[in-house]
Structures are given as structure tokens and as C-alpha cells.
Amino acid sequence: MSAVFADTFYFLALVNERDAAHGKAVQFDAATQLLVTTAWVLTEVGDALSAPENRPLFCNCWTRCATRRMRASSNRRPNCSSTASSCFASVRTRIGC
């Protein structure tokens, strides 16, 4: 089984049905068994989806990380705890907004 690197573009296209690359991301997701990513990629995805109305999209992405075969580039899984996801989902504002 070969691993494939999942970058920010992939995750954002996967969760956003209006993204031009959404269809390809969904097809790729169905065909790919092992993803490799970094904590920085997940941070970028969280930042991109940090508006309160977009946080459920990030939580879905975070859950995907926790439930499927995914590895961080250091060969350790990112810490995809449900506590972090629920905390992010429950905070309704952003600093600087």
C-alpha cells in the first residue's frame, strides 16, 4: 500500500461542495487508503475554516483524520482528539474579528 500526501488544497476541496475540485477530491478520497499529512496542514485547514459557520466542516475533516488511516509526516498520527474538535466547534468567535 503506497501513501499519498494530503495537503490543504485536498482537505478544503473535500469538505467544500462548491469547490471546483470537490468532485475530484471525493473520487480520490474513495480510491486512497493511506494518507500522509502534517500538523501544519491541519492547522492551515483549521484556519481556513475558522469562521463559526465553517467550523462543522473542520470538525468533519478532523473526524476523518481520527477515523481513517492517516499518518503525520513524522510517522506519528496527528493528535486528532475529540476534545480538541469539540473545543474548536464550541467557541463562537475569533480573535481579531
C-alpha atoms as a PDB file:
ATOM      1  CA  MET A   1       0.000   0.000   0.000  1.00  0.00           C
ATOM      2  CA  SER A   2       1.502   3.325  -1.024  1.00  0.00           C
ATOM      3  CA  ALA A   3       0.926   6.507   0.944  1.00  0.00           C
ATOM      4  CA  VAL A   4      -0.250   9.756  -0.624  1.00  0.00           C
ATOM      5  CA  PHE A   5       0.404  13.232   0.815  1.00  0.00           C
ATOM      6  CA  ALA A   6      -2.774  15.170   1.643  1.00  0.00           C
ATOM      7  CA  ASP A   7      -2.280  18.931   1.548  1.00  0.00           C
ATOM      8  CA  THR A   8      -4.542  21.826   2.489  1.00  0.00           C
ATOM      9  CA  PHE A   9      -5.954  22.035  -1.051  1.00  0.00           C
ATOM     10  CA  TYR A  10      -7.170  18.435  -0.830  1.00  0.00           C
ATOM     11  CA  PHE A  11      -8.940  18.840   2.516  1.00  0.00           C
ATOM     12  CA  LEU A  12     -10.597  22.123   1.537  1.00  0.00           C
ATOM     13  CA  ALA A  13     -11.816  20.690  -1.764  1.00  0.00           C
ATOM     14  CA  LEU A  14     -13.092  17.590   0.027  1.00  0.00           C
ATOM     15  CA  VAL A  15     -15.246  19.480   2.548  1.00  0.00           C
ATOM     16  CA  ASN A  16     -16.483  22.276   0.254  1.00  0.00           C
ATOM     17  CA  GLU A  17     -19.093  21.065  -2.221  1.00  0.00           C
ATOM     18  CA  ARG A  18     -18.835  24.362  -4.138  1.00  0.00           C
ATOM     19  CA  ASP A  19     -15.086  23.968  -4.705  1.00  0.00           C
ATOM     20  CA  ALA A  20     -14.224  23.326  -8.362  1.00  0.00           C
ATOM     21  CA  ALA A  21     -12.033  20.387  -7.298  1.00  0.00           C
ATOM     22  CA  HIS A  22     -14.613  18.835  -4.943  1.00  0.00           C
ATOM     23  CA  GLY A  23     -15.618  16.019  -7.313  1.00  0.00           C
ATOM     24  CA  LYS A  24     -12.025  15.003  -7.952  1.00  0.00           C
ATOM     25  CA  ALA A  25     -11.225  15.164  -4.228  1.00  0.00           C
ATOM     26  CA  VAL A  26     -14.174  12.885  -3.419  1.00  0.00           C
ATOM     27  CA  GLN A  27     -13.107  10.387  -6.102  1.00  0.00           C
ATOM     28  CA  PHE A  28      -9.531  10.490  -4.854  1.00  0.00           C
ATOM     29  CA  ASP A  29     -10.691  10.037  -1.266  1.00  0.00           C
ATOM     30  CA  ALA A  30     -12.668   6.927  -2.173  1.00  0.00           C
ATOM     31  CA  ALA A  31      -9.692   5.402  -4.006  1.00  0.00           C
ATOM     32  CA  THR A  32      -6.959   6.237  -1.482  1.00  0.00           C
ATOM     33  CA  GLN A  33      -6.267   4.054   1.524  1.00  0.00           C
ATOM     34  CA  LEU A  34      -3.384   5.729   3.309  1.00  0.00           C
ATOM     35  CA  LEU A  35      -2.884   9.474   3.595  1.00  0.00           C
ATOM     36  CA  VAL A  36       0.125  11.288   4.970  1.00  0.00           C
ATOM     37  CA  THR A  37      -0.198  14.861   6.191  1.00  0.00           C
ATOM     38  CA  THR A  38       1.393  17.246   8.671  1.00  0.00           C
ATOM     39  CA  ALA A  39       0.165  19.125  11.706  1.00  0.00           C
ATOM     40  CA  TRP A  40       0.824  22.317   9.711  1.00  0.00           C
ATOM     41  CA  VAL A  41      -1.605  21.208   7.004  1.00  0.00           C
ATOM     42  CA  LEU A  42      -4.286  20.537   9.616  1.00  0.00           C
ATOM     43  CA  THR A  43      -3.536  23.938  11.158  1.00  0.00           C
ATOM     44  CA  GLU A  44      -4.000  25.621   7.770  1.00  0.00           C
ATOM     45  CA  VAL A  45      -7.290  23.785   7.240  1.00  0.00           C
ATOM     46  CA  GLY A  46      -8.458  24.852  10.703  1.00  0.00           C
ATOM     47  CA  ASP A  47      -7.519  28.444   9.944  1.00  0.00           C
ATOM     48  CA  ALA A  48      -9.291  28.383   6.576  1.00  0.00           C
ATOM     49  CA  LEU A  49     -12.440  27.017   8.202  1.00  0.00           C
ATOM     50  CA  SER A  50     -12.304  29.016  11.442  1.00  0.00           C
ATOM     51  CA  ALA A  51     -15.365  31.172  10.797  1.00  0.00           C
ATOM     52  CA  PRO A  52     -18.101  29.933  13.160  1.00  0.00           C
ATOM     53  CA  GLU A  53     -20.347  28.832  10.279  1.00  0.00           C
ATOM     54  CA  ASN A  54     -17.494  26.751   8.777  1.00  0.00           C
ATOM     55  CA  ARG A  55     -16.357  25.027  11.953  1.00  0.00           C
ATOM     56  CA  PRO A  56     -18.574  21.960  11.440  1.00  0.00           C
ATOM     57  CA  LEU A  57     -16.708  21.413   8.143  1.00  0.00           C
ATOM     58  CA  PHE A  58     -13.407  21.434  10.011  1.00  0.00           C
ATOM     59  CA  CYS A  59     -14.786  19.084  12.659  1.00  0.00           C
ATOM     60  CA  ASN A  60     -15.790  16.679   9.876  1.00  0.00           C
ATOM     61  CA  CYS A  61     -12.267  16.892   8.484  1.00  0.00           C
ATOM     62  CA  TRP A  62     -10.802  16.335  11.963  1.00  0.00           C
ATOM     63  CA  THR A  63     -13.033  13.294  12.475  1.00  0.00           C
ATOM     64  CA  ARG A  64     -11.861  11.921   9.117  1.00  0.00           C
ATOM     65  CA  CYS A  65      -8.293  12.278  10.346  1.00  0.00           C
ATOM     66  CA  ALA A  66      -9.082  10.391  13.522  1.00  0.00           C
ATOM     67  CA  THR A  67     -11.029   7.549  11.917  1.00  0.00           C
ATOM     68  CA  ARG A  68      -9.142   6.681   8.752  1.00  0.00           C
ATOM     69  CA  ARG A  69      -5.616   5.568   8.088  1.00  0.00           C
ATOM     70  CA  MET A  70      -3.643   8.779   8.262  1.00  0.00           C
ATOM     71  CA  ARG A  71      -0.107   9.474   9.329  1.00  0.00           C
ATOM     72  CA  ALA A  72       1.784  12.632  10.059  1.00  0.00           C
ATOM     73  CA  SER A  73       4.987  13.039   8.090  1.00  0.00           C
ATOM     74  CA  SER A  74       6.977  12.084  11.189  1.00  0.00           C
ATOM     75  CA  ASN A  75       5.271   8.628  11.080  1.00  0.00           C
ATOM     76  CA  ARG A  76       3.089   9.588  14.026  1.00  0.00           C
ATOM     77  CA  ARG A  77      -0.610  10.289  13.719  1.00  0.00           C
ATOM     78  CA  PRO A  78      -1.658  13.839  14.402  1.00  0.00           C
ATOM     79  CA  ASN A  79      -3.396  14.210  17.740  1.00  0.00           C
ATOM     80  CA  CYS A  80      -6.957  14.054  16.434  1.00  0.00           C
ATOM     81  CA  SER A  81      -8.679  14.003  19.781  1.00  0.00           C
ATOM     82  CA  SER A  82     -12.403  14.572  20.049  1.00  0.00           C
ATOM     83  CA  THR A  83     -11.700  17.070  22.847  1.00  0.00           C
ATOM     84  CA  ALA A  84      -9.811  19.395  20.502  1.00  0.00           C
ATOM     85  CA  SER A  85     -12.506  19.129  17.866  1.00  0.00           C
ATOM     86  CA  SER A  86     -15.354  19.778  20.281  1.00  0.00           C
ATOM     87  CA  CYS A  87     -13.497  22.741  21.789  1.00  0.00           C
ATOM     88  CA  PHE A  88     -12.973  24.278  18.351  1.00  0.00           C
ATOM     89  CA  ALA A  89     -16.621  23.713  17.473  1.00  0.00           C
ATOM     90  CA  SER A  90     -17.955  25.261  20.667  1.00  0.00           C
ATOM     91  CA  VAL A  91     -16.046  28.561  20.516  1.00  0.00           C
ATOM     92  CA  ARG A  92     -18.161  31.008  18.539  1.00  0.00           C
ATOM     93  CA  THR A  93     -15.765  33.890  17.933  1.00  0.00           C
ATOM     94  CA  ARG A  94     -12.297  34.514  16.597  1.00  0.00           C
ATOM     95  CA  ILE A  95      -9.734  36.917  17.982  1.00  0.00           C
ATOM     96  CA  GLY A  96      -9.374  39.815  15.576  1.00  0.00           C
ATOM     97  CA  CYS A  97     -12.869  39.506  14.066  1.00  0.00           C
END
